[in-house]
Protein backbone atom coordinates (compact mmCIF):
# COMPACT_ATOMS: atom_id res chain seq x y z
CA UNK A 1 16.73 -23.88 32.76
CA UNK A 2 18.14 -21.38 30.29
CA UNK A 3 16.86 -23.36 27.30
CA UNK A 4 13.29 -23.19 28.63
CA UNK A 5 13.54 -19.40 28.88
CA UNK A 6 15.03 -19.13 25.38
CA UNK A 7 12.63 -21.39 23.47
CA UNK A 8 8.92 -22.04 23.70
CA UNK A 9 8.31 -25.62 22.58
CA UNK A 10 4.60 -25.69 23.46
CA UNK A 11 2.78 -26.62 20.19
CA UNK A 12 -0.42 -24.78 21.21
CA UNK A 13 1.61 -21.64 21.96
CA UNK A 14 3.35 -21.89 18.59
CA UNK A 15 0.06 -22.36 16.71
CA UNK A 16 -1.42 -19.41 18.61
CA UNK A 17 1.48 -17.18 17.47
CA UNK A 18 1.01 -18.31 13.86
CA UNK A 19 -2.75 -17.65 13.96
CA UNK A 20 -2.33 -14.26 15.64
CA UNK A 21 0.34 -13.24 13.10
CA UNK A 22 -1.88 -14.18 10.14
CA UNK A 23 -4.81 -12.21 11.59
CA UNK A 24 -2.60 -9.17 12.23
CA UNK A 25 -1.18 -9.35 8.69
CA UNK A 26 -4.59 -9.29 7.04
CA UNK A 27 -5.95 -6.67 9.44
CA UNK A 28 -3.05 -4.34 8.67
CA UNK A 29 -3.33 -5.04 4.94
CA UNK A 30 -6.98 -4.05 5.07
CA UNK A 31 -6.29 -0.92 7.12
CA UNK A 32 -3.52 0.20 4.78
CA UNK A 33 -5.78 -0.40 1.78
CA UNK A 34 -8.47 1.76 3.38
CA UNK A 35 -5.90 4.48 4.14
CA UNK A 36 -5.50 5.10 0.41
CA UNK A 37 -2.81 5.00 -2.23
CA UNK A 38 -1.28 8.34 -1.46
CA UNK A 39 -0.66 7.40 2.17
CA UNK A 40 1.64 4.63 0.95
CA UNK A 41 3.39 6.74 -1.66
CA UNK A 42 5.14 9.28 0.52
CA UNK A 43 6.01 8.86 4.15
CA UNK A 44 6.11 11.92 6.36
CA UNK A 45 7.74 11.97 9.81
CA UNK A 46 4.24 11.56 11.27
CA UNK A 47 3.70 8.44 9.15
CA UNK A 48 7.00 7.00 10.37
CA UNK A 49 5.97 7.55 14.00
CA UNK A 50 2.62 5.83 13.37
CA UNK A 51 4.39 2.95 11.61
CA UNK A 52 6.76 2.44 14.54
CA UNK A 53 3.91 2.57 17.07
CA UNK A 54 1.86 0.12 15.02
CA UNK A 55 4.84 -2.25 14.84
CA UNK A 56 5.16 -2.19 18.60
CA UNK A 57 1.42 -2.60 19.15
CA UNK A 58 0.99 -5.54 16.79
CA UNK A 59 4.08 -7.29 18.14
CA UNK A 60 2.22 -7.78 21.39
CA UNK A 61 -0.91 -8.86 19.52
CA UNK A 62 1.07 -11.48 17.58
CA UNK A 63 3.13 -13.13 20.31
CA UNK A 64 1.11 -12.27 23.39
CA UNK A 65 2.99 -13.03 26.60
CA UNK A 66 5.53 -15.21 24.75
CA UNK A 67 8.93 -13.50 24.83
CA UNK A 68 10.90 -16.51 23.68
CA UNK A 69 13.36 -16.40 20.80
CA UNK A 70 11.43 -18.83 18.67
CA UNK A 71 8.15 -16.98 19.39
CA UNK A 72 9.50 -13.85 17.70
CA UNK A 73 11.10 -15.86 14.90
CA UNK A 74 7.88 -17.80 14.30
CA UNK A 75 5.90 -14.54 14.07
CA UNK A 76 8.44 -13.06 11.62
CA UNK A 77 8.52 -16.26 9.53
CA UNK A 78 4.71 -16.36 9.47
CA UNK A 79 4.46 -12.74 8.28
CA UNK A 80 7.03 -13.29 5.53
CA UNK A 81 5.35 -16.54 4.46
CA UNK A 82 1.86 -15.04 4.35
CA UNK A 83 3.20 -12.06 2.41
CA UNK A 84 4.88 -14.40 -0.09
CA UNK A 85 1.65 -16.40 -0.51
CA UNK A 86 -0.44 -13.24 -0.96
CA UNK A 87 2.00 -11.87 -3.55
CA UNK A 88 1.99 -15.15 -5.52
CA UNK A 89 -1.80 -15.33 -5.36
CA UNK A 90 -2.17 -11.73 -6.51
CA UNK A 91 0.11 -12.37 -9.49
CA UNK A 92 -2.28 -15.09 -10.67
CA UNK A 93 -5.56 -13.28 -10.08
CA UNK A 94 -6.40 -10.00 -11.76
CA UNK A 95 -9.54 -9.59 -9.68
CA UNK A 96 -7.69 -10.14 -6.39
CA UNK A 97 -4.89 -7.77 -7.47
CA UNK A 98 -7.52 -5.11 -8.15
CA UNK A 99 -9.05 -5.64 -4.69
CA UNK A 100 -5.74 -5.57 -2.81
CA UNK A 101 -3.76 -3.00 -4.81
CA UNK A 102 -6.58 -0.90 -6.27
CA UNK A 103 -6.40 0.80 -9.63
CA UNK A 104 -4.77 3.98 -10.90
CA UNK A 105 -6.91 7.12 -10.67
CA UNK A 106 -7.02 9.88 -13.27
CA UNK A 107 -6.40 13.25 -11.60
CA UNK A 108 -5.87 15.55 -14.58
CA UNK A 109 -7.32 15.08 -18.05
CA UNK A 110 -6.31 17.44 -20.87
CA UNK A 111 -5.20 20.19 -18.48
CA UNK A 112 -8.28 19.99 -16.24
CA UNK A 113 -8.28 18.76 -12.65
CA UNK A 114 -10.95 16.21 -11.76
CA UNK A 115 -12.16 17.39 -8.33
CA UNK A 116 -14.24 14.26 -7.58
CA UNK A 117 -11.17 12.05 -8.04
CA UNK A 118 -9.01 14.32 -5.90
CA UNK A 119 -11.60 14.20 -3.14
CA UNK A 120 -12.01 10.43 -3.44
CA UNK A 121 -8.23 9.94 -3.07
CA UNK A 122 -7.88 12.55 -0.30
CA UNK A 123 -5.64 14.82 -2.37
CA UNK A 124 -5.50 18.57 -2.71
CA UNK A 125 -4.84 20.62 -5.80
CA UNK A 126 -1.55 21.72 -4.21
CA UNK A 127 -0.31 18.12 -4.01
CA UNK A 128 -1.05 17.59 -7.71
CA UNK A 129 0.61 20.89 -8.66
CA UNK A 130 3.68 19.89 -6.64
CA UNK A 131 3.85 16.60 -8.54
CA UNK A 132 3.60 18.50 -11.83
CA UNK A 133 6.49 20.75 -10.81
CA UNK A 134 8.52 17.67 -9.89
CA UNK A 135 7.96 16.53 -13.48
CA UNK A 136 9.11 19.91 -14.82
CA UNK A 137 5.64 21.21 -15.67
CA UNK A 138 4.63 24.73 -14.63
CA UNK A 139 1.06 24.97 -15.86
CA UNK A 140 -1.88 22.63 -15.54
CA UNK A 141 -2.66 23.24 -19.21
CA UNK A 142 0.66 21.57 -20.13
CA UNK A 143 -0.66 18.20 -18.89
CA UNK A 144 -2.38 15.61 -21.02
CA UNK A 145 -2.92 13.29 -18.03
CA UNK A 146 -1.82 12.97 -14.44
CA UNK A 147 -2.54 9.65 -12.76
CA UNK A 148 -2.31 8.57 -9.13
CA UNK A 149 -0.71 5.15 -9.48
CA UNK A 150 -1.43 2.23 -7.16
CA UNK A 151 1.92 2.74 -5.42
CA UNK A 152 0.95 6.30 -4.43
CA UNK A 153 3.11 8.11 -6.97
CA UNK A 154 1.69 10.58 -9.46
CA UNK A 155 2.71 9.99 -13.06
CA UNK A 156 2.38 12.82 -15.54
CA UNK A 157 2.09 12.80 -19.32
CA UNK A 158 2.82 16.23 -20.84
CA UNK A 159 0.34 17.62 -23.36
CA UNK A 160 2.98 17.56 -26.10
CA UNK A 161 3.88 13.90 -25.53
CA UNK A 162 3.36 11.33 -28.25
CA UNK A 163 0.16 9.37 -27.75
CA UNK A 164 0.60 5.97 -26.20
CA UNK A 165 -2.33 3.65 -25.84
CA UNK A 166 -2.80 1.77 -22.63
CA UNK A 167 -4.93 -1.29 -22.02
CA UNK A 168 -4.86 -0.85 -18.29
CA UNK A 169 -8.02 0.46 -16.72
CA UNK A 170 -7.66 3.73 -14.89
CA UNK A 171 -10.44 4.83 -12.57
CA UNK A 172 -12.26 7.71 -14.19
CA UNK A 173 -11.29 6.93 -17.75
CA UNK A 174 -12.55 4.28 -20.10
CA UNK A 175 -9.88 2.00 -21.55
CA UNK A 176 -8.10 3.24 -24.70
CA UNK A 177 -8.76 0.37 -27.02
């Protein structure tokens, strides 16, 4: 029958897809967290290729031999649901947010690069200098702070900027309070 080929109504098969999708979600979340903040901030053509290959690879891991319509829809629904739950949970827990998202990292302090932080984040001096130029800054000495944010972007505060106190903890700098 056509309906049998279109839909998988086996409850064990459906639960297997849900379980596989949840495992894949958390495995990928962990791998992306280990990859580092900067990897998520800017996507190169190589990153796009890897992303597409990963999507294809995990699709098979999530649905297995099931090629039914509802098998794919159940996997997609499960991923979106788990993502929604994780986001809501993270909003309520500062500790969990820190573990999943990480914390900003100080890269430049008062015109001086912090080599240990660059190395820890897998960044080169050239990448930081490029970010400074994108913010209209020519010289490292013109920077009060440059911070690698949790989303992979580099924010820059010029040396002549008005002081603004932040209560947020940045790796490599004690809180300003």
